[in-house]
Protein backbone atom coordinates (compact mmCIF):
# COMPACT_ATOMS: atom_id res chain seq x y z
CA UNK A 1 32.84 -46.26 135.67
CA UNK A 2 33.34 -49.81 134.48
CA UNK A 3 31.28 -52.47 136.21
CA UNK A 4 31.69 -56.22 136.04
CA UNK A 5 31.24 -59.34 138.06
CA UNK A 6 34.10 -61.48 139.29
CA UNK A 7 33.73 -65.23 139.29
CA UNK A 8 35.66 -66.30 142.36
CA UNK A 9 36.22 -69.94 143.18
CA UNK A 10 38.28 -71.68 145.80
CA UNK A 11 37.83 -74.89 143.85
CA UNK A 12 38.54 -73.93 140.23
CA UNK A 13 37.79 -76.85 137.94
CA UNK A 14 39.85 -75.68 134.97
CA UNK A 15 43.47 -74.56 134.74
CA UNK A 16 43.84 -74.63 130.95
CA UNK A 17 41.57 -71.63 130.41
CA UNK A 18 39.15 -69.97 132.80
CA UNK A 19 37.03 -66.85 133.12
CA UNK A 20 38.01 -64.24 135.73
CA UNK A 21 35.35 -61.57 135.11
CA UNK A 22 33.29 -59.95 132.40
CA UNK A 23 31.03 -56.97 131.87
CA UNK A 24 29.48 -54.40 129.56
CA UNK A 25 29.39 -50.62 129.93
CA UNK A 26 28.52 -47.38 128.14
CA UNK A 27 31.35 -45.02 129.03
CA UNK A 28 30.90 -41.26 129.61
CA UNK A 29 32.77 -38.91 127.24
CA UNK A 30 36.51 -38.94 127.81
CA UNK A 31 36.42 -41.71 130.41
CA UNK A 32 39.81 -43.40 130.62
CA UNK A 33 41.44 -46.20 132.56
CA UNK A 34 45.13 -46.30 133.42
CA UNK A 35 47.97 -46.24 132.84
CA UNK A 36 47.66 -49.55 134.66
CA UNK A 37 48.58 -53.21 134.51
CA UNK A 38 46.28 -56.20 134.79
CA UNK A 39 47.00 -59.55 136.47
CA UNK A 40 45.32 -61.52 133.67
CA UNK A 41 44.38 -61.32 129.99
CA UNK A 42 41.59 -58.94 129.06
CA UNK A 43 39.71 -58.42 125.80
CA UNK A 44 37.52 -55.38 125.13
CA UNK A 45 35.12 -55.35 122.17
CA UNK A 46 33.52 -52.10 121.02
CA UNK A 47 29.79 -52.23 120.33
CA UNK A 48 29.26 -48.52 119.61
CA UNK A 49 31.25 -45.30 119.53
CA UNK A 50 34.97 -44.62 119.43
CA UNK A 51 38.03 -44.48 121.64
CA UNK A 52 41.77 -44.95 121.84
CA UNK A 53 44.06 -47.66 123.19
CA UNK A 54 47.72 -47.15 124.04
CA UNK A 55 50.53 -49.64 124.74
CA UNK A 56 53.82 -47.88 125.39
CA UNK A 57 54.33 -45.48 122.49
CA UNK A 58 51.83 -47.24 120.23
CA UNK A 59 48.42 -45.56 119.97
CA UNK A 60 45.39 -47.15 118.28
CA UNK A 61 42.23 -45.25 117.31
CA UNK A 62 39.35 -47.70 117.45
CA UNK A 63 35.64 -47.83 116.59
CA UNK A 64 32.64 -50.16 116.63
CA UNK A 65 33.31 -53.79 115.62
CA UNK A 66 36.93 -53.51 116.74
CA UNK A 67 38.51 -54.79 119.91
CA UNK A 68 41.81 -54.90 121.75
CA UNK A 69 43.81 -57.30 123.87
CA UNK A 70 45.49 -56.43 127.17
CA UNK A 71 48.18 -58.85 128.31
CA UNK A 72 49.06 -59.57 131.95
CA UNK A 73 51.52 -57.17 133.60
CA UNK A 74 51.68 -54.90 130.54
CA UNK A 75 50.98 -51.21 131.18
CA UNK A 76 48.16 -49.87 129.01
CA UNK A 77 45.79 -46.94 128.82
CA UNK A 78 42.45 -46.64 127.04
CA UNK A 79 40.01 -43.77 126.76
CA UNK A 80 36.54 -43.13 125.34
CA UNK A 81 36.15 -40.50 122.65
CA UNK A 82 34.99 -37.10 123.95
CA UNK A 83 32.27 -36.76 121.28
CA UNK A 84 31.29 -40.37 120.51
CA UNK A 85 32.23 -42.36 123.63
CA UNK A 86 32.30 -46.08 123.21
CA UNK A 87 30.10 -48.78 124.62
CA UNK A 88 32.07 -51.98 125.04
CA UNK A 89 31.98 -55.40 126.57
CA UNK A 90 34.94 -57.18 128.11
CA UNK A 91 36.11 -60.52 129.38
CA UNK A 92 39.04 -61.16 131.69
CA UNK A 93 40.53 -64.63 131.61
CA UNK A 94 43.66 -66.61 132.29
CA UNK A 95 45.01 -70.16 132.27
CA UNK A 96 48.02 -72.25 131.39
CA UNK A 97 47.16 -72.20 127.66
CA UNK A 98 45.40 -68.83 127.45
CA UNK A 99 48.30 -67.27 125.55
CA UNK A 100 48.43 -70.15 123.09
CA UNK A 101 44.69 -69.95 122.39
CA UNK A 102 45.01 -66.23 121.76
CA UNK A 103 47.90 -66.86 119.37
CA UNK A 104 45.80 -69.46 117.55
CA UNK A 105 43.25 -66.76 116.67
CA UNK A 106 45.96 -64.24 115.83
CA UNK A 107 46.01 -62.06 118.96
CA UNK A 108 49.41 -61.28 120.51
CA UNK A 109 51.18 -58.39 122.16
CA UNK A 110 52.49 -57.28 118.78
CA UNK A 111 49.04 -57.67 117.15
CA UNK A 112 46.61 -56.65 119.91
CA UNK A 113 43.84 -55.10 117.80
CA UNK A 114 41.24 -57.04 115.83
CA UNK A 115 37.96 -56.62 113.99
CA UNK A 116 34.94 -58.91 114.38
CA UNK A 117 31.58 -58.62 112.62
CA UNK A 118 29.45 -60.54 115.12
CA UNK A 119 28.60 -58.04 117.87
CA UNK A 120 25.22 -59.60 118.66
CA UNK A 121 26.76 -63.00 119.28
CA UNK A 122 29.52 -61.61 121.49
CA UNK A 123 27.02 -59.53 123.44
CA UNK A 124 24.76 -62.57 123.91
CA UNK A 125 27.67 -64.65 125.26
CA UNK A 126 28.67 -61.99 127.79
CA UNK A 127 25.05 -61.42 128.86
CA UNK A 128 24.69 -65.14 129.49
CA UNK A 129 27.88 -65.09 131.53
CA UNK A 130 26.44 -62.25 133.61
CA UNK A 131 23.23 -64.17 134.18
CA UNK A 132 25.11 -67.11 135.70
CA UNK A 133 27.44 -65.35 138.12
CA UNK A 134 26.89 -67.68 141.08
CA UNK A 135 29.81 -70.04 141.59
CA UNK A 136 28.31 -73.51 141.25
CA UNK A 137 29.66 -76.59 139.49
CA UNK A 138 27.01 -76.18 136.81
CA UNK A 139 27.92 -72.55 136.20
CA UNK A 140 31.65 -73.25 136.09
CA UNK A 141 31.05 -75.77 133.31
CA UNK A 142 28.78 -73.30 131.53
CA UNK A 143 31.33 -70.49 131.83
CA UNK A 144 34.16 -72.45 130.26
CA UNK A 145 31.86 -73.37 127.37
CA UNK A 146 30.84 -69.75 126.89
CA UNK A 147 34.46 -68.60 127.02
CA UNK A 148 35.43 -71.05 124.27
CA UNK A 149 32.37 -69.86 122.30
CA UNK A 150 33.61 -66.28 122.62
CA UNK A 151 36.99 -67.32 121.21
CA UNK A 152 35.26 -69.23 118.41
CA UNK A 153 33.29 -66.16 117.33
CA UNK A 154 36.42 -64.01 117.31
CA UNK A 155 38.26 -66.60 115.23
CA UNK A 156 35.75 -66.40 112.38
CA UNK A 157 37.01 -63.16 110.96
CA UNK A 158 39.60 -61.52 113.15
CA UNK A 159 42.04 -59.92 110.74
CA UNK A 160 44.91 -61.91 112.21
CA UNK A 161 43.12 -65.25 112.35
CA UNK A 162 45.71 -66.95 110.15
CA UNK A 163 48.72 -69.00 111.17
CA UNK A 164 51.10 -66.64 112.96
CA UNK A 165 54.24 -68.76 112.94
CA UNK A 166 56.85 -68.17 110.26
CA UNK A 167 55.79 -71.20 108.25
CA UNK A 168 52.03 -71.11 107.91
CA UNK A 169 52.08 -74.05 105.49
CA UNK A 170 53.70 -76.23 108.09
CA UNK A 171 50.96 -75.32 110.56
CA UNK A 172 48.36 -76.56 108.07
CA UNK A 173 50.26 -79.85 107.92
CA UNK A 174 50.38 -80.07 111.71
CA UNK A 175 46.65 -79.46 111.94
CA UNK A 176 45.97 -82.04 109.23
CA UNK A 177 48.16 -84.65 110.93
CA UNK A 178 46.38 -84.09 114.23
CA UNK A 179 43.03 -84.41 112.48
CA UNK A 180 44.10 -87.70 110.90
CA UNK A 181 45.33 -89.06 114.21
CA UNK A 182 42.02 -88.21 115.87
CA UNK A 183 39.75 -89.44 113.06
CA UNK A 184 41.55 -92.27 111.23
CA UNK A 185 38.98 -94.79 112.54
CA UNK A 186 36.20 -93.14 110.54
CA UNK A 187 35.46 -93.03 106.81
CA UNK A 188 37.93 -90.22 106.34
CA UNK A 189 38.75 -88.79 102.93
CA UNK A 190 41.48 -86.40 101.89
CA UNK A 191 38.81 -83.82 101.01
CA UNK A 192 37.58 -84.01 104.62
CA UNK A 193 41.09 -83.25 105.85
CA UNK A 194 41.51 -80.37 103.43
CA UNK A 195 38.12 -78.92 104.40
CA UNK A 196 39.04 -79.13 108.08
CA UNK A 197 42.20 -77.05 107.67
CA UNK A 198 40.48 -74.72 105.15
CA UNK A 199 42.69 -75.33 102.13
CA UNK A 200 41.97 -77.03 98.84
CA UNK A 201 43.03 -80.61 98.21
CA UNK A 202 45.79 -79.83 95.72
CA UNK A 203 47.42 -77.30 98.06
CA UNK A 204 47.27 -79.80 100.94
CA UNK A 205 49.01 -82.34 98.70
CA UNK A 206 51.75 -79.81 97.92
CA UNK A 207 52.25 -79.04 101.61
CA UNK A 208 52.46 -82.71 102.60
CA UNK A 209 55.00 -83.43 99.86
CA UNK A 210 57.07 -80.43 100.95
CA UNK A 211 57.06 -81.07 104.70
CA UNK A 212 56.54 -84.83 105.03
CA UNK A 213 57.65 -86.12 101.61
CA UNK A 214 54.41 -88.06 101.24
CA UNK A 215 50.86 -87.42 100.12
CA UNK A 216 47.93 -86.92 102.52
CA UNK A 217 46.39 -90.20 101.29
CA UNK A 218 49.60 -92.16 101.87
CA UNK A 219 50.04 -90.60 105.28
CA UNK A 220 46.49 -91.58 106.24
CA UNK A 221 46.95 -95.13 104.96
CA UNK A 222 50.31 -95.56 106.66
CA UNK A 223 48.93 -94.26 109.93
CA UNK A 224 45.99 -96.65 109.75
CA UNK A 225 48.23 -99.61 109.00
CA UNK A 226 50.61 -98.66 111.82
CA UNK A 227 47.71 -98.56 114.26
CA UNK A 228 46.38 -101.84 112.86
CA UNK A 229 49.77 -103.50 113.40
CA UNK A 230 49.74 -102.33 117.02
CA UNK A 231 46.28 -103.76 117.57
CA UNK A 232 47.25 -107.07 115.99
CA UNK A 233 50.29 -107.30 118.25
CA UNK A 234 48.74 -106.06 121.49
CA UNK A 235 45.13 -107.23 121.42
CA UNK A 236 43.06 -110.29 120.62
CA UNK A 237 40.66 -108.42 118.37
CA UNK A 238 39.69 -110.28 115.22
CA UNK A 239 41.15 -109.11 111.93
CA UNK A 240 37.69 -107.84 111.00
CA UNK A 241 37.49 -105.79 114.22
CA UNK A 242 40.98 -104.41 113.69
CA UNK A 243 40.01 -103.36 110.18
CA UNK A 244 36.89 -101.57 111.43
CA UNK A 245 38.87 -99.92 114.24
CA UNK A 246 41.25 -98.46 111.69
CA UNK A 247 38.75 -97.07 109.20
CA UNK A 248 38.29 -100.07 106.87
CA UNK A 249 34.74 -101.35 106.35
CA UNK A 250 35.95 -104.01 103.91
CA UNK A 251 38.34 -106.56 105.44
CA UNK A 252 39.64 -107.54 101.99
CA UNK A 253 40.60 -103.97 101.20
CA UNK A 254 42.26 -103.77 104.62
CA UNK A 255 44.21 -106.99 104.07
CA UNK A 256 45.44 -105.81 100.70
CA UNK A 257 46.57 -102.46 102.09
CA UNK A 258 48.23 -104.14 105.07
CA UNK A 259 50.14 -106.61 102.91
CA UNK A 260 51.26 -103.83 100.55
CA UNK A 261 52.95 -102.04 103.45
CA UNK A 262 54.00 -104.86 105.76
CA UNK A 263 54.77 -107.53 103.16
CA UNK A 264 52.51 -110.14 104.75
CA UNK A 265 48.75 -110.45 105.42
CA UNK A 266 47.43 -109.29 108.82
CA UNK A 267 46.65 -112.83 109.96
CA UNK A 268 50.24 -113.95 109.38
CA UNK A 269 51.56 -110.77 110.98
CA UNK A 270 49.60 -111.63 114.10
CA UNK A 271 50.99 -115.15 114.26
CA UNK A 272 54.47 -113.67 114.34
CA UNK A 273 53.76 -111.40 117.30
CA UNK A 274 55.38 -113.71 119.82
CA UNK A 275 58.40 -114.51 117.69
């Protein structure tokens, strides 16, 4: 029989993503569960042995280092092999963005099976969850961190951990734009952006030209200058402070870049803010 603990809370601190239960079990030969539906998402990861997983008419034969996703309210059946029954761990979870996070790592109803080469890390995460099964504020914070860590480990090498929308290149651009918007105030280089989205610099340039009709460097500069103009209009920060706030350590370099895009120096731009 499967055994797990259920983390119950009348005062759940997180709605975006939260843990419902988790566990680990060595199944007897031929042990099966279902056909049944679950009220939340559930991931099983096989540590040893073999078994099968069925969704509708689709049957998957699985082994160690593979796992499978069960979606809410979807009827499934899974069964341990009669000769080499599996040992697996599982986590049940839910939340407003649980489906999106799963899609980000490539797991969907149409692609429910994955492979991951980090069994020790996944086991350690679940064991730590099991060790902190008392519902306290401290443990709730710990659990959400461990759940995100579990997702992070899966994302390293799940077979489907690539952009799943029809235009993967555009997703790289979206990720790069978000990275720029969150980090423009630092000494950010185009190579940093490319490294973050895991593509080389020349390919990132091609994607930006295709989707935004600009280069990553120009997008970064324009974003910085746009934010600088807002600060000049809406705050009393000095020009030097505005420059530093927008990623420029040299105020002269900032002034030159600002004038090139706005047509006037930042100090004059500020004087016009009440016009």
